[in-house]
Amino acid sequence: TQDRHAGDPGLAGGITGSDPVSGGYGPHEVLSWATKFFVDALLL
């Protein structure tokens, strides 16, 4: 679900609230906490 190559700097590398992006949690948003927990998960 991570788009590492997006031209939009607000999307590139971040994690959206939902999949699909229109879903019911943080719709159409890249969230700082989603991205944080993604990093935590991969490090662990």
ModelCIF file with pLDDT and N, C-alpha, C, O atoms, coordinates in Angstrom:
data_MODEL
#
_entry.id   MODEL 
#
_entity.id                         1 
_entity.type                       polymer 
_entity.pdbx_number_of_molecules   1 
#
_entity_poly.entity_id                      1 
_entity_poly.type                           'polypeptide(L)' 
_entity_poly.nstd_linkage                   no 
_entity_poly.nstd_monomer                   no 
_entity_poly.pdbx_seq_one_letter_code       TQDRHAGDPGLAGGITGSDPVSGGYGPHEVLSWATKFFVDALLL 
_entity_poly.pdbx_seq_one_letter_code_can   TQDRHAGDPGLAGGITGSDPVSGGYGPHEVLSWATKFFVDALLL 
_entity_poly.pdbx_strand_id                 A 
#
loop_
_entity_poly_seq.entity_id 
_entity_poly_seq.num 
_entity_poly_seq.mon_id 
_entity_poly_seq.hetero 
1 1  THR n 
1 2  GLN n 
1 3  ASP n 
1 4  ARG n 
1 5  HIS n 
1 6  ALA n 
1 7  GLY n 
1 8  ASP n 
1 9  PRO n 
1 10 GLY n 
1 11 LEU n 
1 12 ALA n 
1 13 GLY n 
1 14 GLY n 
1 15 ILE n 
1 16 THR n 
1 17 GLY n 
1 18 SER n 
1 19 ASP n 
1 20 PRO n 
1 21 VAL n 
1 22 SER n 
1 23 GLY n 
1 24 GLY n 
1 25 TYR n 
1 26 GLY n 
1 27 PRO n 
1 28 HIS n 
1 29 GLU n 
1 30 VAL n 
1 31 LEU n 
1 32 SER n 
1 33 TRP n 
1 34 ALA n 
1 35 THR n 
1 36 LYS n 
1 37 PHE n 
1 38 PHE n 
1 39 VAL n 
1 40 ASP n 
1 41 ALA n 
1 42 LEU n 
1 43 LEU n 
1 44 LEU n 
#
_struct_asym.id          A 
_struct_asym.entity_id   1 
#
loop_
_ma_qa_metric.id 
_ma_qa_metric.mode 
_ma_qa_metric.name 
_ma_qa_metric.software_group_id 
_ma_qa_metric.type 
1 global pLDDT . pLDDT 
2 local  pLDDT . pLDDT 
#
_ma_qa_metric_global.metric_id      1 
_ma_qa_metric_global.metric_value   97.34 
_ma_qa_metric_global.model_id       1 
_ma_qa_metric_global.ordinal_id     1 
#
loop_
_ma_qa_metric_local.label_asym_id 
_ma_qa_metric_local.label_comp_id 
_ma_qa_metric_local.label_seq_id 
_ma_qa_metric_local.metric_id 
_ma_qa_metric_local.metric_value 
_ma_qa_metric_local.model_id 
_ma_qa_metric_local.ordinal_id 
A THR 1  2 98.00 1 1  
A GLN 2  2 98.00 1 2  
A ASP 3  2 98.00 1 3  
A ARG 4  2 97.00 1 4  
A HIS 5  2 96.00 1 5  
A ALA 6  2 96.00 1 6  
A GLY 7  2 95.00 1 7  
A ASP 8  2 97.00 1 8  
A PRO 9  2 97.00 1 9  
A GLY 10 2 97.00 1 10 
A LEU 11 2 98.00 1 11 
A ALA 12 2 98.00 1 12 
A GLY 13 2 98.00 1 13 
A GLY 14 2 98.00 1 14 
A ILE 15 2 98.00 1 15 
A THR 16 2 98.00 1 16 
A GLY 17 2 97.00 1 17 
A SER 18 2 97.00 1 18 
A ASP 19 2 98.00 1 19 
A PRO 20 2 98.00 1 20 
A VAL 21 2 97.00 1 21 
A SER 22 2 96.00 1 22 
A GLY 23 2 97.00 1 23 
A GLY 24 2 95.00 1 24 
A TYR 25 2 96.00 1 25 
A GLY 26 2 95.00 1 26 
A PRO 27 2 96.00 1 27 
A HIS 28 2 97.00 1 28 
A GLU 29 2 97.00 1 29 
A VAL 30 2 98.00 1 30 
A LEU 31 2 98.00 1 31 
A SER 32 2 98.00 1 32 
A TRP 33 2 98.00 1 33 
A ALA 34 2 98.00 1 34 
A THR 35 2 98.00 1 35 
A LYS 36 2 98.00 1 36 
A PHE 37 2 98.00 1 37 
A PHE 38 2 98.00 1 38 
A VAL 39 2 98.00 1 39 
A ASP 40 2 98.00 1 40 
A ALA 41 2 98.00 1 41 
A LEU 42 2 98.00 1 42 
A LEU 43 2 98.00 1 43 
A LEU 44 2 98.00 1 44 
#
loop_
_atom_site.group_PDB 
_atom_site.id 
_atom_site.type_symbol 
_atom_site.label_atom_id 
_atom_site.label_alt_id 
_atom_site.label_comp_id 
_atom_site.label_asym_id 
_atom_site.label_entity_id 
_atom_site.label_seq_id 
_atom_site.pdbx_PDB_ins_code 
_atom_site.Cartn_x 
_atom_site.Cartn_y 
_atom_site.Cartn_z 
_atom_site.occupancy 
_atom_site.B_iso_or_equiv 
_atom_site.pdbx_formal_charge 
_atom_site.auth_seq_id 
_atom_site.auth_comp_id 
_atom_site.auth_asym_id 
_atom_site.auth_atom_id 
_atom_site.pdbx_PDB_model_num 
ATOM 1   N N  . THR A 1 1  ? 0.821   -1.220 0.000  1.00 98.00 ? 1  THR A N  1 
ATOM 2   C CA . THR A 1 1  ? 0.000   0.000  0.000  1.00 98.00 ? 1  THR A CA 1 
ATOM 3   C C  . THR A 1 1  ? 0.855   1.269  0.000  1.00 98.00 ? 1  THR A C  1 
ATOM 4   O O  . THR A 1 1  ? 0.337   2.356  -0.255 1.00 98.00 ? 1  THR A O  1 
ATOM 5   N N  . GLN A 1 2  ? 2.149   1.147  0.281  1.00 98.00 ? 2  GLN A N  1 
ATOM 6   C CA . GLN A 1 2  ? 3.020   2.320  0.336  1.00 98.00 ? 2  GLN A CA 1 
ATOM 7   C C  . GLN A 1 2  ? 3.469   2.708  -1.075 1.00 98.00 ? 2  GLN A C  1 
ATOM 8   O O  . GLN A 1 2  ? 3.998   1.876  -1.812 1.00 98.00 ? 2  GLN A O  1 
ATOM 9   N N  . ASP A 1 3  ? 3.257   3.974  -1.447 1.00 98.00 ? 3  ASP A N  1 
ATOM 10  C CA . ASP A 1 3  ? 3.725   4.498  -2.733 1.00 98.00 ? 3  ASP A CA 1 
ATOM 11  C C  . ASP A 1 3  ? 5.028   5.247  -2.484 1.00 98.00 ? 3  ASP A C  1 
ATOM 12  O O  . ASP A 1 3  ? 5.015   6.383  -2.011 1.00 98.00 ? 3  ASP A O  1 
ATOM 13  N N  . ARG A 1 4  ? 6.146   4.614  -2.801 1.00 97.00 ? 4  ARG A N  1 
ATOM 14  C CA . ARG A 1 4  ? 7.455   5.227  -2.538 1.00 97.00 ? 4  ARG A CA 1 
ATOM 15  C C  . ARG A 1 4  ? 7.892   6.166  -3.646 1.00 97.00 ? 4  ARG A C  1 
ATOM 16  O O  . ARG A 1 4  ? 8.845   6.924  -3.467 1.00 97.00 ? 4  ARG A O  1 
ATOM 17  N N  . HIS A 1 5  ? 7.216   6.134  -4.787 1.00 96.00 ? 5  HIS A N  1 
ATOM 18  C CA . HIS A 1 5  ? 7.687   6.876  -5.948 1.00 96.00 ? 5  HIS A CA 1 
ATOM 19  C C  . HIS A 1 5  ? 6.703   7.942  -6.413 1.00 96.00 ? 5  HIS A C  1 
ATOM 20  O O  . HIS A 1 5  ? 6.844   8.466  -7.518 1.00 96.00 ? 5  HIS A O  1 
ATOM 21  N N  . ALA A 1 6  ? 5.718   8.272  -5.598 1.00 96.00 ? 6  ALA A N  1 
ATOM 22  C CA . ALA A 1 6  ? 4.732   9.284  -5.979 1.00 96.00 ? 6  ALA A CA 1 
ATOM 23  C C  . ALA A 1 6  ? 5.405   10.636 -6.197 1.00 96.00 ? 6  ALA A C  1 
ATOM 24  O O  . ALA A 1 6  ? 6.366   10.980 -5.509 1.00 96.00 ? 6  ALA A O  1 
ATOM 25  N N  . GLY A 1 7  ? 4.898   11.385 -7.146 1.00 95.00 ? 7  GLY A N  1 
ATOM 26  C CA . GLY A 1 7  ? 5.421   12.730 -7.369 1.00 95.00 ? 7  GLY A CA 1 
ATOM 27  C C  . GLY A 1 7  ? 4.988   13.722 -6.318 1.00 95.00 ? 7  GLY A C  1 
ATOM 28  O O  . GLY A 1 7  ? 5.610   14.771 -6.152 1.00 95.00 ? 7  GLY A O  1 
ATOM 29  N N  . ASP A 1 8  ? 3.926   13.397 -5.608 1.00 97.00 ? 8  ASP A N  1 
ATOM 30  C CA . ASP A 1 8  ? 3.407   14.263 -4.552 1.00 97.00 ? 8  ASP A CA 1 
ATOM 31  C C  . ASP A 1 8  ? 4.186   13.987 -3.266 1.00 97.00 ? 8  ASP A C  1 
ATOM 32  O O  . ASP A 1 8  ? 4.119   12.872 -2.747 1.00 97.00 ? 8  ASP A O  1 
ATOM 33  N N  . PRO A 1 9  ? 4.928   14.973 -2.731 1.00 97.00 ? 9  PRO A N  1 
ATOM 34  C CA . PRO A 1 9  ? 5.727   14.721 -1.525 1.00 97.00 ? 9  PRO A CA 1 
ATOM 35  C C  . PRO A 1 9  ? 4.897   14.414 -0.294 1.00 97.00 ? 9  PRO A C  1 
ATOM 36  O O  . PRO A 1 9  ? 5.421   13.873 0.680  1.00 97.00 ? 9  PRO A O  1 
ATOM 37  N N  . GLY A 1 10 ? 3.630   14.741 -0.313 1.00 97.00 ? 10 GLY A N  1 
ATOM 38  C CA . GLY A 1 10 ? 2.773   14.405 0.814  1.00 97.00 ? 10 GLY A CA 1 
ATOM 39  C C  . GLY A 1 10 ? 2.280   12.979 0.798  1.00 97.00 ? 10 GLY A C  1 
ATOM 40  O O  . GLY A 1 10 ? 1.739   12.488 1.789  1.00 97.00 ? 10 GLY A O  1 
ATOM 41  N N  . LEU A 1 11 ? 2.465   12.313 -0.328 1.00 98.00 ? 11 LEU A N  1 
ATOM 42  C CA . LEU A 1 11 ? 2.066   10.909 -0.457 1.00 98.00 ? 11 LEU A CA 1 
ATOM 43  C C  . LEU A 1 11 ? 3.274   9.977  -0.441 1.00 98.00 ? 11 LEU A C  1 
ATOM 44  O O  . LEU A 1 11 ? 3.208   8.894  0.141  1.00 98.00 ? 11 LEU A O  1 
ATOM 45  N N  . ALA A 1 12 ? 4.355   10.375 -1.061 1.00 98.00 ? 12 ALA A N  1 
ATOM 46  C CA . ALA A 1 12 ? 5.505   9.492  -1.257 1.00 98.00 ? 12 ALA A CA 1 
ATOM 47  C C  . ALA A 1 12 ? 6.070   8.991  0.067  1.00 98.00 ? 12 ALA A C  1 
ATOM 48  O O  . ALA A 1 12 ? 6.552   9.774  0.886  1.00 98.00 ? 12 ALA A O  1 
ATOM 49  N N  . GLY A 1 13 ? 6.006   7.694  0.263  1.00 98.00 ? 13 GLY A N  1 
ATOM 50  C CA . GLY A 1 13 ? 6.570   7.070  1.452  1.00 98.00 ? 13 GLY A CA 1 
ATOM 51  C C  . GLY A 1 13 ? 5.636   6.965  2.629  1.00 98.00 ? 13 GLY A C  1 
ATOM 52  O O  . GLY A 1 13 ? 5.903   6.202  3.557  1.00 98.00 ? 13 GLY A O  1 
ATOM 53  N N  . GLY A 1 14 ? 4.544   7.712  2.619  1.00 98.00 ? 14 GLY A N  1 
ATOM 54  C CA . GLY A 1 14 ? 3.612   7.696  3.742  1.00 98.00 ? 14 GLY A CA 1 
ATOM 55  C C  . GLY A 1 14 ? 2.602   6.562  3.639  1.00 98.00 ? 14 GLY A C  1 
ATOM 56  O O  . GLY A 1 14 ? 2.530   5.863  2.629  1.00 98.00 ? 14 GLY A O  1 
ATOM 57  N N  . ILE A 1 15 ? 1.829   6.395  4.697  1.00 98.00 ? 15 ILE A N  1 
ATOM 58  C CA . ILE A 1 15 ? 0.800   5.357  4.760  1.00 98.00 ? 15 ILE A CA 1 
ATOM 59  C C  . ILE A 1 15 ? -0.554  6.038  4.938  1.00 98.00 ? 15 ILE A C  1 
ATOM 60  O O  . ILE A 1 15 ? -0.716  6.894  5.808  1.00 98.00 ? 15 ILE A O  1 
ATOM 61  N N  . THR A 1 16 ? -1.505  5.661  4.124  1.00 98.00 ? 16 THR A N  1 
ATOM 62  C CA . THR A 1 16 ? -2.838  6.251  4.198  1.00 98.00 ? 16 THR A CA 1 
ATOM 63  C C  . THR A 1 16 ? -3.642  5.637  5.340  1.00 98.00 ? 16 THR A C  1 
ATOM 64  O O  . THR A 1 16 ? -3.271  4.604  5.898  1.00 98.00 ? 16 THR A O  1 
ATOM 65  N N  . GLY A 1 17 ? -4.739  6.287  5.672  1.00 97.00 ? 17 GLY A N  1 
ATOM 66  C CA . GLY A 1 17 ? -5.561  5.791  6.764  1.00 97.00 ? 17 GLY A CA 1 
ATOM 67  C C  . GLY A 1 17 ? -6.222  4.466  6.449  1.00 97.00 ? 17 GLY A C  1 
ATOM 68  O O  . GLY A 1 17 ? -6.305  3.587  7.307  1.00 97.00 ? 17 GLY A O  1 
ATOM 69  N N  . SER A 1 18 ? -6.691  4.320  5.221  1.00 97.00 ? 18 SER A N  1 
ATOM 70  C CA . SER A 1 18 ? -7.460  3.132  4.845  1.00 97.00 ? 18 SER A CA 1 
ATOM 71  C C  . SER A 1 18 ? -6.975  2.570  3.524  1.00 97.00 ? 18 SER A C  1 
ATOM 72  O O  . SER A 1 18 ? -6.302  3.248  2.748  1.00 97.00 ? 18 SER A O  1 
ATOM 73  N N  . ASP A 1 19 ? -7.324  1.338  3.290  1.00 98.00 ? 19 ASP A N  1 
ATOM 74  C CA . ASP A 1 19 ? -7.189  0.723  1.973  1.00 98.00 ? 19 ASP A CA 1 
ATOM 75  C C  . ASP A 1 19 ? -8.520  0.064  1.643  1.00 98.00 ? 19 ASP A C  1 
ATOM 76  O O  . ASP A 1 19 ? -8.947  -0.851 2.347  1.00 98.00 ? 19 ASP A O  1 
ATOM 77  N N  . PRO A 1 20 ? -9.197  0.527  0.557  1.00 98.00 ? 20 PRO A N  1 
ATOM 78  C CA . PRO A 1 20 ? -8.780  1.597  -0.337 1.00 98.00 ? 20 PRO A CA 1 
ATOM 79  C C  . PRO A 1 20 ? -8.738  2.951  0.351  1.00 98.00 ? 20 PRO A C  1 
ATOM 80  O O  . PRO A 1 20 ? -9.260  3.123  1.453  1.00 98.00 ? 20 PRO A O  1 
ATOM 81  N N  . VAL A 1 21 ? -8.109  3.906  -0.316 1.00 97.00 ? 21 VAL A N  1 
ATOM 82  C CA . VAL A 1 21 ? -7.864  5.210  0.305  1.00 97.00 ? 21 VAL A CA 1 
ATOM 83  C C  . VAL A 1 21 ? -9.156  5.937  0.638  1.00 97.00 ? 21 VAL A C  1 
ATOM 84  O O  . VAL A 1 21 ? -9.152  6.854  1.460  1.00 97.00 ? 21 VAL A O  1 
ATOM 85  N N  . SER A 1 22 ? -10.256 5.545  0.018  1.00 96.00 ? 22 SER A N  1 
ATOM 86  C CA . SER A 1 22 ? -11.557 6.164  0.283  1.00 96.00 ? 22 SER A CA 1 
ATOM 87  C C  . SER A 1 22 ? -12.278 5.534  1.469  1.00 96.00 ? 22 SER A C  1 
ATOM 88  O O  . SER A 1 22 ? -13.407 5.916  1.777  1.00 96.00 ? 22 SER A O  1 
ATOM 89  N N  . GLY A 1 23 ? -11.635 4.564  2.145  1.00 97.00 ? 23 GLY A N  1 
ATOM 90  C CA . GLY A 1 23 ? -12.274 3.854  3.247  1.00 97.00 ? 23 GLY A CA 1 
ATOM 91  C C  . GLY A 1 23 ? -12.622 4.752  4.424  1.00 97.00 ? 23 GLY A C  1 
ATOM 92  O O  . GLY A 1 23 ? -12.365 5.956  4.407  1.00 97.00 ? 23 GLY A O  1 
ATOM 93  N N  . GLY A 1 24 ? -13.209 4.146  5.440  1.00 95.00 ? 24 GLY A N  1 
ATOM 94  C CA . GLY A 1 24 ? -13.830 4.907  6.516  1.00 95.00 ? 24 GLY A CA 1 
ATOM 95  C C  . GLY A 1 24 ? -12.916 5.449  7.588  1.00 95.00 ? 24 GLY A C  1 
ATOM 96  O O  . GLY A 1 24 ? -13.394 6.142  8.486  1.00 95.00 ? 24 GLY A O  1 
ATOM 97  N N  . TYR A 1 25 ? -11.615 5.168  7.542  1.00 96.00 ? 25 TYR A N  1 
ATOM 98  C CA . TYR A 1 25 ? -10.692 5.714  8.533  1.00 96.00 ? 25 TYR A CA 1 
ATOM 99  C C  . TYR A 1 25 ? -9.672  6.599  7.838  1.00 96.00 ? 25 TYR A C  1 
ATOM 100 O O  . TYR A 1 25 ? -8.890  6.131  7.012  1.00 96.00 ? 25 TYR A O  1 
ATOM 101 N N  . GLY A 1 26 ? -9.686  7.885  8.179  1.00 95.00 ? 26 GLY A N  1 
ATOM 102 C CA . GLY A 1 26 ? -8.789  8.835  7.530  1.00 95.00 ? 26 GLY A CA 1 
ATOM 103 C C  . GLY A 1 26 ? -8.914  8.813  6.020  1.00 95.00 ? 26 GLY A C  1 
ATOM 104 O O  . GLY A 1 26 ? -7.903  8.694  5.328  1.00 95.00 ? 26 GLY A O  1 
ATOM 105 N N  . PRO A 1 27 ? -10.147 8.926  5.476  1.00 96.00 ? 27 PRO A N  1 
ATOM 106 C CA . PRO A 1 27 ? -10.293 8.810  4.027  1.00 96.00 ? 27 PRO A CA 1 
ATOM 107 C C  . PRO A 1 27 ? -9.506  9.890  3.278  1.00 96.00 ? 27 PRO A C  1 
ATOM 108 O O  . PRO A 1 27 ? -9.544  11.068 3.633  1.00 96.00 ? 27 PRO A O  1 
ATOM 109 N N  . HIS A 1 28 ? -8.811  9.466  2.258  1.00 97.00 ? 28 HIS A N  1 
ATOM 110 C CA . HIS A 1 28 ? -8.027  10.349 1.399  1.00 97.00 ? 28 HIS A CA 1 
ATOM 111 C C  . HIS A 1 28 ? -6.981  11.155 2.186  1.00 97.00 ? 28 HIS A C  1 
ATOM 112 O O  . HIS A 1 28 ? -6.684  12.305 1.861  1.00 97.00 ? 28 HIS A O  1 
ATOM 113 N N  . GLU A 1 29 ? -6.433  10.518 3.227  1.00 97.00 ? 29 GLU A N  1 
ATOM 114 C CA . GLU A 1 29 ? -5.389  11.157 4.012  1.00 97.00 ? 29 GLU A CA 1 
ATOM 115 C C  . GLU A 1 29 ? -4.197  10.215 4.199  1.00 97.00 ? 29 GLU A C  1 
ATOM 116 O O  . GLU A 1 29 ? -4.361  9.007  4.372  1.00 97.00 ? 29 GLU A O  1 
ATOM 117 N N  . VAL A 1 30 ? -3.007  10.791 4.162  1.00 98.00 ? 30 VAL A N  1 
ATOM 118 C CA . VAL A 1 30 ? -1.800  10.112 4.626  1.00 98.00 ? 30 VAL A CA 1 
ATOM 119 C C  . VAL A 1 30 ? -1.612  10.552 6.071  1.00 98.00 ? 30 VAL A C  1 
ATOM 120 O O  . VAL A 1 30 ? -1.615  11.751 6.349  1.00 98.00 ? 30 VAL A O  1 
ATOM 121 N N  . LEU A 1 31 ? -1.451  9.614  6.994  1.00 98.00 ? 31 LEU A N  1 
ATOM 122 C CA . LEU A 1 31 ? -1.477  9.919  8.425  1.00 98.00 ? 31 LEU A CA 1 
ATOM 123 C C  . LEU A 1 31 ? -0.106  9.714  9.065  1.00 98.00 ? 31 LEU A C  1 
ATOM 124 O O  . LEU A 1 31 ? 0.592   8.742  8.777  1.00 98.00 ? 31 LEU A O  1 
ATOM 125 N N  . SER A 1 32 ? 0.264   10.650 9.938  1.00 98.00 ? 32 SER A N  1 
ATOM 126 C CA . SER A 1 32 ? 1.568   10.547 10.599 1.00 98.00 ? 32 SER A CA 1 
ATOM 127 C C  . SER A 1 32 ? 1.650   9.308  11.477 1.00 98.00 ? 32 SER A C  1 
ATOM 128 O O  . SER A 1 32 ? 2.708   8.686  11.565 1.00 98.00 ? 32 SER A O  1 
ATOM 129 N N  . TRP A 1 33 ? 0.549   8.937  12.130 1.00 98.00 ? 33 TRP A N  1 
ATOM 130 C CA . TRP A 1 33 ? 0.585   7.779  13.025 1.00 98.00 ? 33 TRP A CA 1 
ATOM 131 C C  . TRP A 1 33 ? 0.538   6.468  12.254 1.00 98.00 ? 33 TRP A C  1 
ATOM 132 O O  . TRP A 1 33 ? 1.133   5.482  12.688 1.00 98.00 ? 33 TRP A O  1 
ATOM 133 N N  . ALA A 1 34 ? -0.150  6.435  11.126 1.00 98.00 ? 34 ALA A N  1 
ATOM 134 C CA . ALA A 1 34 ? -0.107  5.229  10.288 1.00 98.00 ? 34 ALA A CA 1 
ATOM 135 C C  . ALA A 1 34 ? 1.324   4.980  9.815  1.00 98.00 ? 34 ALA A C  1 
ATOM 136 O O  . ALA A 1 34 ? 1.797   3.843  9.804  1.00 98.00 ? 34 ALA A O  1 
ATOM 137 N N  . THR A 1 35 ? 2.001   6.052  9.427  1.00 98.00 ? 35 THR A N  1 
ATOM 138 C CA . THR A 1 35 ? 3.376   5.928  8.954  1.00 98.00 ? 35 THR A CA 1 
ATOM 139 C C  . THR A 1 35 ? 4.298   5.532  10.095 1.00 98.00 ? 35 THR A C  1 
ATOM 140 O O  . THR A 1 35 ? 5.205   4.723  9.899  1.00 98.00 ? 35 THR A O  1 
ATOM 141 N N  . LYS A 1 36 ? 4.083   6.084  11.283 1.00 98.00 ? 36 LYS A N  1 
ATOM 142 C CA . LYS A 1 36 ? 4.883   5.719  12.463 1.00 98.00 ? 36 LYS A CA 1 
ATOM 143 C C  . LYS A 1 36 ? 4.748   4.232  12.791 1.00 98.00 ? 36 LYS A C  1 
ATOM 144 O O  . LYS A 1 36 ? 5.750   3.548  12.997 1.00 98.00 ? 36 LYS A O  1 
ATOM 145 N N  . PHE A 1 37 ? 3.513   3.732  12.841 1.00 98.00 ? 37 PHE A N  1 
ATOM 146 C CA . PHE A 1 37 ? 3.300   2.334  13.202 1.00 98.00 ? 37 PHE A CA 1 
ATOM 147 C C  . PHE A 1 37 ? 3.813   1.390  12.115 1.00 98.00 ? 37 PHE A C  1 
ATOM 148 O O  . PHE A 1 37 ? 4.212   0.264  12.412 1.00 98.00 ? 37 PHE A O  1 
ATOM 149 N N  . PHE A 1 38 ? 3.805   1.832  10.879 1.00 98.00 ? 38 PHE A N  1 
ATOM 150 C CA . PHE A 1 38 ? 4.399   1.067  9.787  1.00 98.00 ? 38 PHE A CA 1 
ATOM 151 C C  . PHE A 1 38 ? 5.908   0.908  10.013 1.00 98.00 ? 38 PHE A C  1 
ATOM 152 O O  . PHE A 1 38 ? 6.449   -0.188 9.867  1.00 98.00 ? 38 PHE A O  1 
ATOM 153 N N  . VAL A 1 39 ? 6.580   2.001  10.369 1.00 98.00 ? 39 VAL A N  1 
ATOM 154 C CA . VAL A 1 39 ? 8.013   1.938  10.663 1.00 98.00 ? 39 VAL A CA 1 
ATOM 155 C C  . VAL A 1 39 ? 8.267   1.000  11.840 1.00 98.00 ? 39 VAL A C  1 
ATOM 156 O O  . VAL A 1 39 ? 9.161   0.156  11.781 1.00 98.00 ? 39 VAL A O  1 
ATOM 157 N N  . ASP A 1 40 ? 7.483   1.147  12.911 1.00 98.00 ? 40 ASP A N  1 
ATOM 158 C CA . ASP A 1 40 ? 7.643   0.264  14.078 1.00 98.00 ? 40 ASP A CA 1 
ATOM 159 C C  . ASP A 1 40 ? 7.533   -1.205 13.674 1.00 98.00 ? 40 ASP A C  1 
ATOM 160 O O  . ASP A 1 40 ? 8.342   -2.037 14.086 1.00 98.00 ? 40 ASP A O  1 
ATOM 161 N N  . ALA A 1 41 ? 6.517   -1.510 12.859 1.00 98.00 ? 41 ALA A N  1 
ATOM 162 C CA . ALA A 1 41 ? 6.270   -2.897 12.472 1.00 98.00 ? 41 ALA A CA 1 
ATOM 163 C C  . ALA A 1 41 ? 7.445   -3.463 11.673 1.00 98.00 ? 41 ALA A C  1 
ATOM 164 O O  . ALA A 1 41 ? 7.873   -4.593 11.907 1.00 98.00 ? 41 ALA A O  1 
ATOM 165 N N  . LEU A 1 42 ? 7.964   -2.676 10.732 1.00 98.00 ? 42 LEU A N  1 
ATOM 166 C CA . LEU A 1 42 ? 9.064   -3.176 9.913  1.00 98.00 ? 42 LEU A CA 1 
ATOM 167 C C  . LEU A 1 42 ? 10.344  -3.325 10.726 1.00 98.00 ? 42 LEU A C  1 
ATOM 168 O O  . LEU A 1 42 ? 11.095  -4.279 10.523 1.00 98.00 ? 42 LEU A O  1 
ATOM 169 N N  . LEU A 1 43 ? 10.601  -2.405 11.633 1.00 98.00 ? 43 LEU A N  1 
ATOM 170 C CA . LEU A 1 43 ? 11.794  -2.527 12.477 1.00 98.00 ? 43 LEU A CA 1 
ATOM 171 C C  . LEU A 1 43 ? 11.722  -3.775 13.350 1.00 98.00 ? 43 LEU A C  1 
ATOM 172 O O  . LEU A 1 43 ? 12.709  -4.496 13.492 1.00 98.00 ? 43 LEU A O  1 
ATOM 173 N N  . LEU A 1 44 ? 10.561  -4.028 13.930 1.00 98.00 ? 44 LEU A N  1 
ATOM 174 C CA . LEU A 1 44 ? 10.402  -5.224 14.746 1.00 98.00 ? 44 LEU A CA 1 
ATOM 175 C C  . LEU A 1 44 ? 10.496  -6.491 13.903 1.00 98.00 ? 44 LEU A C  1 
ATOM 176 O O  . LEU A 1 44 ? 10.383  -7.596 14.434 1.00 98.00 ? 44 LEU A O  1 
#
